[in-house]
């Protein structure tokens, strides 16, 4: 689990100058509800030149021991045979100070929750990248990048949750004297958002705020310390609840 979230919002490359495209993708966790099949994801470009962005998708497969692997999606000729998440379009041309959107479409089995890594990778376009630009425009863009001193570009990754068609939340809480345990007995991820661990008499004296995704069959827990209080928002799909625990 820890390794999964460590990749979120990753920087693929580091810019050596401020000139050039600078993309942003907003939030890094997105959720597709059980009654939805499409999701619009927008890419922003706050830079000084056009951004050519590839959208790459991998499925995250969990093993019984909690480890996981990221696997490419199968290319299937028939739309009826497709099983996974697709981006349309998978190539974006985002003007400077502009925004473009890609539609994330899920097709396939939704008996259980599924997880995907969606990467937004800005590139210097090549012929094989299939951007809708001419050879002359590609060469002009390359010369512009060299003249501006931009050799590498920054990209981002997000995690996309596809909830089961029949989503069911069943969160069980055991709040005893010394320990708090939350178990997810449902079939979709539960989010512990804005988790704060603070001194009871100094509410602004807190440890770093954290966010936790509690997968199906997993638990979130912590030991209570004397003189401290804990606050967070419990998110179950569209339902949110503020929780405060004093020790």
Protein backbone atom coordinates (compact mmCIF):
# COMPACT_ATOMS: atom_id res chain seq x y z
CA UNK A 1 0.00 0.00 0.00
CA UNK A 2 2.69 2.51 0.98
CA UNK A 3 4.50 1.89 -2.29
CA UNK A 4 1.35 2.56 -4.29
CA UNK A 5 0.77 6.02 -2.92
CA UNK A 6 4.45 6.92 -3.12
CA UNK A 7 4.06 7.05 -6.90
CA UNK A 8 1.11 9.44 -6.83
CA UNK A 9 1.86 12.90 -8.14
CA UNK A 10 5.33 11.75 -9.16
CA UNK A 11 7.55 14.00 -11.22
CA UNK A 12 8.81 12.18 -14.27
CA UNK A 13 11.43 14.75 -15.04
CA UNK A 14 12.74 18.03 -13.66
CA UNK A 15 12.63 21.27 -15.62
CA UNK A 16 15.86 23.21 -15.99
CA UNK A 17 14.18 26.48 -16.91
CA UNK A 18 10.84 28.15 -16.30
CA UNK A 19 10.10 28.60 -20.01
CA UNK A 20 8.06 25.99 -21.81
CA UNK A 21 4.98 23.92 -20.93
CA UNK A 22 4.10 23.31 -17.27
CA UNK A 23 1.15 20.97 -16.85
CA UNK A 24 -1.10 20.25 -13.88
CA UNK A 25 -3.80 17.62 -13.46
CA UNK A 26 -5.64 18.76 -10.33
CA UNK A 27 -6.35 16.05 -7.76
CA UNK A 28 -4.28 12.87 -7.91
CA UNK A 29 -7.01 10.47 -6.70
CA UNK A 30 -10.12 10.04 -8.85
CA UNK A 31 -13.13 7.76 -8.28
CA UNK A 32 -15.63 6.38 -10.79
CA UNK A 33 -18.94 5.65 -9.06
CA UNK A 34 -20.70 2.34 -9.63
CA UNK A 35 -23.45 3.90 -11.75
CA UNK A 36 -21.04 5.78 -14.04
CA UNK A 37 -18.91 4.65 -16.97
CA UNK A 38 -17.11 7.87 -17.94
CA UNK A 39 -15.09 10.51 -16.13
CA UNK A 40 -13.70 13.79 -17.49
CA UNK A 41 -10.12 14.57 -16.47
CA UNK A 42 -8.71 17.99 -17.32
CA UNK A 43 -5.08 18.89 -17.95
CA UNK A 44 -3.97 22.48 -17.35
CA UNK A 45 -0.95 24.17 -18.91
CA UNK A 46 0.37 27.14 -16.97
CA UNK A 47 3.51 27.41 -19.07
CA UNK A 48 4.61 29.67 -21.89
CA UNK A 49 4.27 27.23 -24.79
CA UNK A 50 2.05 24.42 -26.04
CA UNK A 51 2.14 21.09 -24.18
CA UNK A 52 1.93 17.80 -26.08
CA UNK A 53 0.71 15.25 -23.54
CA UNK A 54 0.50 11.46 -23.78
CA UNK A 55 -2.01 9.67 -21.54
CA UNK A 56 -0.76 6.22 -20.49
CA UNK A 57 -2.81 3.74 -18.42
CA UNK A 58 -1.74 0.67 -16.44
CA UNK A 59 -3.92 -1.58 -14.29
CA UNK A 60 -2.84 -2.07 -10.67
CA UNK A 61 -3.23 -5.72 -9.66
CA UNK A 62 -3.01 -6.63 -5.96
CA UNK A 63 -1.63 -9.90 -4.65
CA UNK A 64 -2.86 -11.68 -1.52
CA UNK A 65 0.11 -10.43 0.52
CA UNK A 66 -0.67 -6.79 -0.25
CA UNK A 67 2.03 -6.34 -2.89
CA UNK A 68 0.98 -5.25 -6.34
CA UNK A 69 2.07 -5.05 -9.95
CA UNK A 70 1.21 -2.64 -12.73
CA UNK A 71 0.31 -4.30 -16.01
CA UNK A 72 -0.43 -2.88 -19.47
CA UNK A 73 -3.98 -3.16 -20.74
CA UNK A 74 -4.67 -5.69 -23.46
CA UNK A 75 -5.25 -4.28 -26.94
CA UNK A 76 -8.52 -5.80 -28.10
CA UNK A 77 -9.85 -5.15 -31.57
CA UNK A 78 -13.53 -5.43 -30.67
CA UNK A 79 -15.08 -2.74 -28.47
CA UNK A 80 -17.36 -5.39 -26.98
CA UNK A 81 -14.31 -7.39 -25.83
CA UNK A 82 -12.53 -4.53 -24.09
CA UNK A 83 -11.92 -4.84 -20.39
CA UNK A 84 -10.32 -1.88 -18.66
CA UNK A 85 -9.89 1.88 -18.64
CA UNK A 86 -9.31 3.89 -21.80
CA UNK A 87 -8.54 7.55 -22.45
CA UNK A 88 -10.19 9.40 -25.33
CA UNK A 89 -8.27 11.18 -26.65
CA UNK A 90 -5.00 9.63 -25.47
CA UNK A 91 -3.02 12.51 -27.00
CA UNK A 92 -3.67 16.08 -25.87
CA UNK A 93 -2.44 19.36 -27.32
CA UNK A 94 -2.80 21.92 -24.53
CA UNK A 95 -2.10 25.58 -25.43
CA UNK A 96 -0.17 27.88 -23.11
CA UNK A 97 -2.41 29.04 -20.24
CA UNK A 98 -5.08 26.70 -21.55
CA UNK A 99 -6.86 23.50 -20.63
CA UNK A 100 -7.89 20.32 -22.45
CA UNK A 101 -9.84 17.31 -21.26
CA UNK A 102 -9.65 13.59 -21.82
CA UNK A 103 -12.58 11.27 -21.22
CA UNK A 104 -11.70 8.22 -19.14
CA UNK A 105 -14.02 5.40 -20.21
CA UNK A 106 -14.35 2.10 -18.36
CA UNK A 107 -15.59 -1.01 -20.15
CA UNK A 108 -15.59 -4.51 -18.73
CA UNK A 109 -16.12 -6.50 -15.55
CA UNK A 110 -17.18 -4.54 -12.46
CA UNK A 111 -17.93 -7.38 -10.07
CA UNK A 112 -15.15 -6.04 -7.84
CA UNK A 113 -13.29 -2.77 -7.44
CA UNK A 114 -10.45 -2.10 -9.88
CA UNK A 115 -7.50 0.26 -9.81
CA UNK A 116 -5.53 2.03 -12.52
CA UNK A 117 -2.46 4.23 -12.82
CA UNK A 118 -3.09 7.13 -15.22
CA UNK A 119 0.04 8.96 -16.33
CA UNK A 120 0.12 12.32 -18.07
CA UNK A 121 3.46 12.63 -19.86
CA UNK A 122 4.44 15.81 -21.74
CA UNK A 123 6.72 15.08 -24.68
CA UNK A 124 8.44 16.67 -27.62
CA UNK A 125 6.26 15.19 -30.39
CA UNK A 126 7.71 12.66 -32.80
CA UNK A 127 6.07 11.20 -35.88
CA UNK A 128 5.22 7.94 -34.08
CA UNK A 129 3.47 9.80 -31.24
CA UNK A 130 0.39 10.35 -33.43
CA UNK A 131 -0.25 13.98 -32.51
CA UNK A 132 -2.30 15.88 -35.09
CA UNK A 133 0.55 18.16 -36.20
CA UNK A 134 2.59 18.38 -39.37
CA UNK A 135 6.29 17.54 -39.69
CA UNK A 136 7.04 21.25 -40.03
CA UNK A 137 5.19 22.04 -36.80
CA UNK A 138 7.07 19.29 -34.96
CA UNK A 139 10.43 20.64 -36.07
CA UNK A 140 9.47 24.20 -35.15
CA UNK A 141 8.46 23.03 -31.68
CA UNK A 142 11.78 21.22 -31.19
CA UNK A 143 13.74 24.32 -32.18
CA UNK A 144 11.66 26.42 -29.79
CA UNK A 145 12.44 24.04 -26.91
CA UNK A 146 16.17 24.14 -27.64
CA UNK A 147 16.14 27.93 -27.88
CA UNK A 148 14.33 28.22 -24.55
CA UNK A 149 16.82 25.90 -22.83
CA UNK A 150 14.18 23.31 -21.94
CA UNK A 151 15.67 19.82 -22.15
CA UNK A 152 13.26 17.87 -19.95
CA UNK A 153 9.58 18.19 -19.02
CA UNK A 154 7.54 17.45 -15.89
CA UNK A 155 4.70 14.92 -15.86
CA UNK A 156 2.27 13.52 -13.31
CA UNK A 157 0.61 10.27 -12.33
CA UNK A 158 -2.77 9.71 -10.69
CA UNK A 159 -4.59 6.72 -9.23
CA UNK A 160 -8.06 5.97 -10.62
CA UNK A 161 -10.53 3.86 -8.61
CA UNK A 162 -13.35 2.08 -10.46
CA UNK A 163 -16.01 1.14 -7.92
CA UNK A 164 -18.06 -2.07 -8.35
CA UNK A 165 -21.37 -1.79 -10.18
CA UNK A 166 -23.20 -2.72 -6.97
CA UNK A 167 -21.17 -0.63 -4.53
CA UNK A 168 -21.69 -1.44 -0.87
CA UNK A 169 -20.15 0.37 2.11
CA UNK A 170 -19.87 -1.43 5.44
CA UNK A 171 -17.45 0.32 7.79
CA UNK A 172 -17.02 -1.28 11.22
CA UNK A 173 -15.42 0.73 14.04
CA UNK A 174 -13.89 -0.53 17.28
CA UNK A 175 -13.15 2.48 19.47
CA UNK A 176 -11.80 1.25 22.80
CA UNK A 177 -9.83 2.94 25.56
CA UNK A 178 -6.37 2.54 24.06
CA UNK A 179 -6.87 1.92 20.36
CA UNK A 180 -9.06 2.93 17.43
CA UNK A 181 -9.65 0.42 14.64
CA UNK A 182 -11.68 0.97 11.47
CA UNK A 183 -12.31 -2.03 9.22
CA UNK A 184 -13.67 -1.90 5.69
CA UNK A 185 -16.13 -4.79 5.31
CA UNK A 186 -17.66 -3.29 2.17
CA UNK A 187 -16.63 -3.81 -1.44
CA UNK A 188 -15.21 -0.36 -2.23
CA UNK A 189 -12.44 1.84 -0.90
CA UNK A 190 -13.07 4.08 2.13
CA UNK A 191 -11.07 7.28 2.54
CA UNK A 192 -9.69 8.73 5.78
CA UNK A 193 -9.16 12.34 4.72
CA UNK A 194 -7.34 15.14 6.56
CA UNK A 195 -6.27 12.89 9.45
CA UNK A 196 -4.93 15.13 12.23
CA UNK A 197 -3.15 14.02 15.40
CA UNK A 198 -3.00 17.04 17.73
CA UNK A 199 -2.32 18.05 21.30
CA UNK A 200 -5.65 18.28 23.14
CA UNK A 201 -4.93 21.67 24.70
CA UNK A 202 -3.16 23.11 21.65
CA UNK A 203 -5.27 22.27 18.63
CA UNK A 204 -2.73 23.85 16.27
CA UNK A 205 0.12 21.69 17.59
CA UNK A 206 -0.35 18.74 15.25
CA UNK A 207 1.67 16.09 13.52
CA UNK A 208 1.65 16.20 9.69
CA UNK A 209 -1.83 15.79 8.21
CA UNK A 210 -2.26 12.53 6.27
CA UNK A 211 -4.69 10.81 3.91
CA UNK A 212 -5.41 7.06 3.93
CA UNK A 213 -7.23 4.74 1.54
CA UNK A 214 -8.69 1.71 3.31
CA UNK A 215 -9.17 -1.02 0.75
CA UNK A 216 -11.76 -3.80 0.96
CA UNK A 217 -10.97 -6.17 3.83
CA UNK A 218 -8.25 -3.89 5.23
CA UNK A 219 -8.09 -1.85 8.44
CA UNK A 220 -6.95 1.59 9.54
CA UNK A 221 -5.89 1.88 13.17
CA UNK A 222 -3.86 3.88 15.66
CA UNK A 223 -2.96 3.75 19.33
CA UNK A 224 -4.37 6.56 21.43
CA UNK A 225 -1.92 8.70 23.36
CA UNK A 226 -2.86 10.53 26.54
CA UNK A 227 -3.40 14.24 26.04
CA UNK A 228 -3.97 14.01 22.31
CA UNK A 229 -7.02 14.15 20.08
CA UNK A 230 -7.61 12.88 16.57
CA UNK A 231 -9.77 14.36 13.82
CA UNK A 232 -10.54 13.24 10.29
CA UNK A 233 -13.21 13.04 7.62
CA UNK A 234 -14.54 9.59 6.80
CA UNK A 235 -15.56 9.37 3.13
CA UNK A 236 -17.73 6.53 1.83
CA UNK A 237 -18.47 7.43 -1.78
CA UNK A 238 -20.67 10.54 -1.74
CA UNK A 239 -21.22 10.30 2.03
CA UNK A 240 -18.88 12.17 4.37
CA UNK A 241 -18.71 12.28 8.15
CA UNK A 242 -16.47 14.29 10.47
CA UNK A 243 -14.94 12.20 13.26
CA UNK A 244 -13.32 13.50 16.46
CA UNK A 245 -11.70 11.22 19.03
CA UNK A 246 -10.34 12.39 22.36
CA UNK A 247 -8.07 10.23 24.50
